C-alpha atoms as a PDB file:
ATOM      1  CA  MET A   1      71.317 -44.247 -16.060  1.00  0.00           C
ATOM      2  CA  LYS A   2      68.568 -46.656 -17.167  1.00  0.00           C
ATOM      3  CA  SER A   3      70.808 -49.668 -16.441  1.00  0.00           C
ATOM      4  CA  ILE A   4      71.544 -48.360 -12.931  1.00  0.00           C
ATOM      5  CA  LYS A   5      67.813 -48.043 -12.211  1.00  0.00           C
ATOM      6  CA  LEU A   6      67.257 -51.572 -13.508  1.00  0.00           C
ATOM      7  CA  PHE A   7      70.113 -52.869 -11.346  1.00  0.00           C
ATOM      8  CA  VAL A   8      68.726 -51.135  -8.237  1.00  0.00           C
ATOM      9  CA  ALA A   9      65.257 -52.536  -8.947  1.00  0.00           C
ATOM     10  CA  CYS A  10      66.681 -56.059  -9.245  1.00  0.00           C
ATOM     11  CA  VAL A  11      68.641 -55.713  -6.001  1.00  0.00           C
ATOM     12  CA  LEU A  12      65.582 -54.402  -4.156  1.00  0.00           C
ATOM     13  CA  SER A  13      63.509 -57.284  -5.523  1.00  0.00           C
ATOM     14  CA  LEU A  14      66.061 -59.799  -4.291  1.00  0.00           C
ATOM     15  CA  VAL A  15      66.166 -58.164  -0.867  1.00  0.00           C
ATOM     16  CA  LEU A  16      62.363 -58.289  -0.681  1.00  0.00           C
ATOM     17  CA  VAL A  17      62.324 -61.983  -1.642  1.00  0.00           C
ATOM     18  CA  PHE A  18      64.980 -62.681   1.017  1.00  0.00           C
ATOM     19  CA  ILE A  19      62.959 -60.864   3.685  1.00  0.00           C
ATOM     20  CA  ILE A  20      59.803 -62.790   2.749  1.00  0.00           C
ATOM     21  CA  MET A  21      61.714 -66.082   2.921  1.00  0.00           C
ATOM     22  CA  LEU A  22      62.983 -65.152   6.385  1.00  0.00           C
ATOM     23  CA  ILE A  23      59.485 -64.322   7.582  1.00  0.00           C
ATOM     24  CA  ILE A  24      57.894 -67.458   6.146  1.00  0.00           C
ATOM     25  CA  GLY A  25      60.682 -69.716   7.372  1.00  0.00           C
ATOM     26  CA  SER A  26      61.117 -68.100  10.766  1.00  0.00           C
ATOM     27  CA  LYS A  27      59.299 -70.824  12.753  1.00  0.00           C
ATOM     28  CA  GLU A  28      61.259 -73.575  11.072  1.00  0.00           C
ATOM     29  CA  ALA A  29      64.515 -71.682  11.459  1.00  0.00           C
ATOM     30  CA  TYR A  30      63.735 -71.058  15.127  1.00  0.00           C
ATOM     31  CA  ALA A  31      63.022 -74.746  15.725  1.00  0.00           C
ATOM     32  CA  VAL A  32      66.217 -75.827  13.979  1.00  0.00           C
ATOM     33  CA  THR A  33      68.204 -73.268  15.963  1.00  0.00           C
ATOM     34  CA  GLN A  34      66.693 -74.397  19.250  1.00  0.00           C
ATOM     35  CA  TYR A  35      67.301 -78.066  18.566  1.00  0.00           C
ATOM     36  CA  ALA A  36      70.758 -77.460  17.140  1.00  0.00           C
ATOM     37  CA  GLN A  37      71.758 -75.874  20.417  1.00  0.00           C
ATOM     38  CA  ARG A  38      70.757 -79.081  22.175  1.00  0.00           C
ATOM     39  CA  CYS A  39      72.483 -81.246  19.576  1.00  0.00           C
ATOM     40  CA  ALA A  40      75.866 -79.633  20.048  1.00  0.00           C
ATOM     41  CA  SER A  41      76.770 -82.086  22.801  1.00  0.00           C
ATOM     42  CA  ASN A  42      75.180 -84.599  25.139  1.00  0.00           C
ATOM     43  CA  GLN A  43      75.656 -82.088  27.931  1.00  0.00           C
ATOM     44  CA  ASP A  44      73.713 -79.349  26.114  1.00  0.00           C
ATOM     45  CA  PHE A  45      71.025 -81.819  25.095  1.00  0.00           C
ATOM     46  CA  VAL A  46      70.484 -83.006  28.675  1.00  0.00           C
ATOM     47  CA  THR A  47      70.427 -79.442  29.979  1.00  0.00           C
ATOM     48  CA  SER A  48      67.806 -78.504  27.378  1.00  0.00           C
ATOM     49  CA  LEU A  49      65.589 -81.404  28.484  1.00  0.00           C
ATOM     50  CA  TYR A  50      65.737 -80.362  32.108  1.00  0.00           C
ATOM     51  CA  ASN A  51      64.827 -76.809  31.117  1.00  0.00           C
ATOM     52  CA  SER A  52      62.085 -77.581  28.594  1.00  0.00           C
ATOM     53  CA  ILE A  53      60.436 -80.642  30.199  1.00  0.00           C
ATOM     54  CA  LEU A  54      61.129 -80.445  33.933  1.00  0.00           C
ATOM     55  CA  LYS A  55      61.269 -76.631  33.947  1.00  0.00           C
ATOM     56  CA  ARG A  56      64.411 -76.476  36.058  1.00  0.00           C
ATOM     57  CA  SER A  57      68.163 -76.623  35.922  1.00  0.00           C
ATOM     58  CA  PRO A  58      69.722 -80.076  36.104  1.00  0.00           C
ATOM     59  CA  ASP A  59      70.907 -81.484  39.414  1.00  0.00           C
ATOM     60  CA  SER A  60      74.503 -82.692  39.257  1.00  0.00           C
ATOM     61  CA  GLU A  61      73.820 -86.404  39.861  1.00  0.00           C
ATOM     62  CA  GLY A  62      70.946 -86.670  37.393  1.00  0.00           C
ATOM     63  CA  TYR A  63      72.859 -84.646  34.837  1.00  0.00           C
ATOM     64  CA  ARG A  64      75.900 -86.942  35.067  1.00  0.00           C
ATOM     65  CA  ASN A  65      73.700 -90.061  34.816  1.00  0.00           C
ATOM     66  CA  TRP A  66      71.915 -88.849  31.672  1.00  0.00           C
ATOM     67  CA  VAL A  67      75.113 -87.701  29.982  1.00  0.00           C
ATOM     68  CA  ASP A  68      76.741 -91.053  30.805  1.00  0.00           C
ATOM     69  CA  PHE A  69      73.671 -92.925  29.503  1.00  0.00           C
ATOM     70  CA  LEU A  70      73.928 -91.051  26.196  1.00  0.00           C
ATOM     71  CA  SER A  71      77.688 -91.502  25.931  1.00  0.00           C
ATOM     72  CA  LYS A  72      77.152 -95.275  26.228  1.00  0.00           C
ATOM     73  CA  GLY A  73      74.942 -95.219  23.140  1.00  0.00           C
ATOM     74  CA  ALA A  74      71.401 -94.447  24.295  1.00  0.00           C
ATOM     75  CA  ASN A  75      69.370 -92.700  21.630  1.00  0.00           C
ATOM     76  CA  ARG A  76      68.004 -89.245  22.268  1.00  0.00           C
ATOM     77  CA  GLU A  77      64.383 -90.175  21.621  1.00  0.00           C
ATOM     78  CA  ASP A  78      64.586 -92.734  24.447  1.00  0.00           C
ATOM     79  CA  VAL A  79      66.026 -90.112  26.777  1.00  0.00           C
ATOM     80  CA  ILE A  80      63.279 -87.623  25.895  1.00  0.00           C
ATOM     81  CA  SER A  81      60.672 -90.339  26.530  1.00  0.00           C
ATOM     82  CA  LYS A  82      62.204 -91.155  29.907  1.00  0.00           C
ATOM     83  CA  PHE A  83      62.042 -87.501  30.956  1.00  0.00           C
ATOM     84  CA  PHE A  84      58.323 -87.467  30.166  1.00  0.00           C
ATOM     85  CA  GLU A  85      57.822 -90.797  31.964  1.00  0.00           C
ATOM     86  CA  SER A  86      59.763 -89.698  35.057  1.00  0.00           C
ATOM     87  CA  GLN A  87      58.082 -89.499  38.448  1.00  0.00           C
ATOM     88  CA  GLU A  88      59.018 -85.846  38.604  1.00  0.00           C
ATOM     89  CA  TYR A  89      57.234 -84.998  35.360  1.00  0.00           C
ATOM     90  CA  GLN A  90      54.262 -87.230  36.190  1.00  0.00           C
ATOM     91  CA  GLY A  91      54.019 -85.473  39.550  1.00  0.00           C
ATOM     92  CA  PHE A  92      53.258 -82.189  37.803  1.00  0.00           C
ATOM     93  CA  GLY A  93      49.762 -83.507  36.988  1.00  0.00           C
ATOM     94  CA  ARG A  94      49.825 -81.789  33.613  1.00  0.00           C
ATOM     95  CA  SER A  95      46.587 -81.459  31.639  1.00  0.00           C
ATOM     96  CA  ASN A  96      46.427 -82.844  28.106  1.00  0.00           C
ATOM     97  CA  ARG A  97      46.832 -79.286  26.786  1.00  0.00           C
ATOM     98  CA  ASP A  98      49.930 -78.762  28.929  1.00  0.00           C
ATOM     99  CA  TYR A  99      51.334 -82.140  27.891  1.00  0.00           C
ATOM    100  CA  ALA A 100      50.929 -81.232  24.213  1.00  0.00           C
ATOM    101  CA  ARG A 101      52.721 -77.918  24.844  1.00  0.00           C
ATOM    102  CA  ASP A 102      55.507 -79.755  26.656  1.00  0.00           C
ATOM    103  CA  LEU A 103      55.936 -82.104  23.676  1.00  0.00           C
ATOM    104  CA  TYR A 104      56.359 -79.137  21.358  1.00  0.00           C
ATOM    105  CA  ASN A 105      58.937 -77.590  23.685  1.00  0.00           C
ATOM    106  CA  GLY A 106      60.742 -80.823  24.566  1.00  0.00           C
ATOM    107  CA  ILE A 107      60.782 -82.504  21.158  1.00  0.00           C
ATOM    108  CA  LEU A 108      60.520 -79.717  18.594  1.00  0.00           C
ATOM    109  CA  GLY A 109      62.209 -77.025  20.666  1.00  0.00           C
ATOM    110  CA  ARG A 110      59.475 -74.462  20.110  1.00  0.00           C
ATOM    111  CA  ASP A 111      56.136 -73.250  21.381  1.00  0.00           C
ATOM    112  CA  PRO A 112      53.125 -74.847  19.699  1.00  0.00           C
ATOM    113  CA  ASP A 113      51.175 -73.182  16.942  1.00  0.00           C
ATOM    114  CA  SER A 114      47.509 -72.856  17.923  1.00  0.00           C
ATOM    115  CA  GLY A 115      46.178 -75.270  15.289  1.00  0.00           C
ATOM    116  CA  GLY A 116      48.630 -78.020  16.150  1.00  0.00           C
ATOM    117  CA  HIS A 117      48.205 -77.447  19.859  1.00  0.00           C
ATOM    118  CA  ASP A 118      44.412 -77.750  19.532  1.00  0.00           C
ATOM    119  CA  TYR A 119      44.747 -80.847  17.328  1.00  0.00           C
ATOM    120  CA  TRP A 120      46.977 -82.769  19.766  1.00  0.00           C
ATOM    121  CA  THR A 121      44.963 -81.668  22.799  1.00  0.00           C
ATOM    122  CA  HIS A 122      41.804 -82.950  21.124  1.00  0.00           C
ATOM    123  CA  ALA A 123      43.541 -86.227  20.200  1.00  0.00           C
ATOM    124  CA  LEU A 124      44.529 -86.743  23.833  1.00  0.00           C
ATOM    125  CA  ASP A 125      41.099 -85.683  25.127  1.00  0.00           C
ATOM    126  CA  THR A 126      39.394 -88.214  22.858  1.00  0.00           C
ATOM    127  CA  GLY A 127      41.516 -91.203  23.818  1.00  0.00           C
ATOM    128  CA  MET A 128      44.816 -91.178  21.953  1.00  0.00           C
ATOM    129  CA  SER A 129      47.505 -92.285  24.394  1.00  0.00           C
ATOM    130  CA  LYS A 130      50.322 -89.982  25.407  1.00  0.00           C
ATOM    131  CA  ALA A 131      52.798 -92.551  24.105  1.00  0.00           C
ATOM    132  CA  GLU A 132      51.110 -92.527  20.684  1.00  0.00           C
ATOM    133  CA  VAL A 133      51.103 -88.736  20.495  1.00  0.00           C
ATOM    134  CA  MET A 134      54.794 -88.678  21.425  1.00  0.00           C
ATOM    135  CA  ARG A 135      55.546 -91.325  18.791  1.00  0.00           C
ATOM    136  CA  ARG A 136      53.828 -89.177  16.173  1.00  0.00           C
ATOM    137  CA  PHE A 137      55.896 -86.154  17.188  1.00  0.00           C
ATOM    138  CA  PHE A 138      59.040 -88.230  16.659  1.00  0.00           C
ATOM    139  CA  GLU A 139      57.746 -89.322  13.246  1.00  0.00           C
ATOM    140  CA  SER A 140      56.739 -85.824  12.139  1.00  0.00           C
ATOM    141  CA  PRO A 141      58.432 -84.189   9.150  1.00  0.00           C
ATOM    142  CA  GLU A 142      59.388 -81.255  11.377  1.00  0.00           C
ATOM    143  CA  TYR A 143      61.230 -83.472  13.863  1.00  0.00           C
ATOM    144  CA  LYS A 144      62.905 -85.442  11.078  1.00  0.00           C
ATOM    145  CA  GLY A 145      64.032 -82.141   9.543  1.00  0.00           C
ATOM    146  CA  ILE A 146      65.468 -81.037  12.864  1.00  0.00           C
ATOM    147  CA  ILE A 147      67.381 -84.305  13.206  1.00  0.00           C
ATOM    148  CA  GLU A 148      68.665 -83.950   9.648  1.00  0.00           C
ATOM    149  CA  GLN A 149      69.918 -80.445  10.437  1.00  0.00           C
ATOM    150  CA  CYS A 150      71.391 -81.674  13.691  1.00  0.00           C
ATOM    151  CA  ASN A 151      73.268 -84.450  11.915  1.00  0.00           C
ATOM    152  CA  LYS A 152      74.733 -81.888   9.505  1.00  0.00           C
ATOM    153  CA  LEU A 153      76.130 -79.978  12.474  1.00  0.00           C
ATOM    154  CA  ARG A 154      77.961 -82.979  13.912  1.00  0.00           C
END
């Protein structure tokens, strides 16, 4: 009887540790899941950019052009950059705060955490260029981790 109680206690402890790991890692897991969906194919990637950056479904001509561009060897970071540099996106007249949020959604595949969102908004408000902020997103450990996970899925 004592060994059964010990076994049950061990199992419950392991379950608790697993639940805590899920809670702590939920943001990272969410980001990897979101990006992995886009990494499944060039088509899914392009669709995700239209949705997360331009806030709309892709038009057929633009969609075909971007998918073709990627299939000819363009890298995904360049495509993301071009979406942000597009006349359509520029026409939104996004504030620095909105731009930072869009980078989180478009590059990391998640909503910003408040500390990071405030940090990047302040960086933009005090003179850091949008191109530099984007470059730093691409160089972030989170983005590199997403790419690593994405590469494992291919």
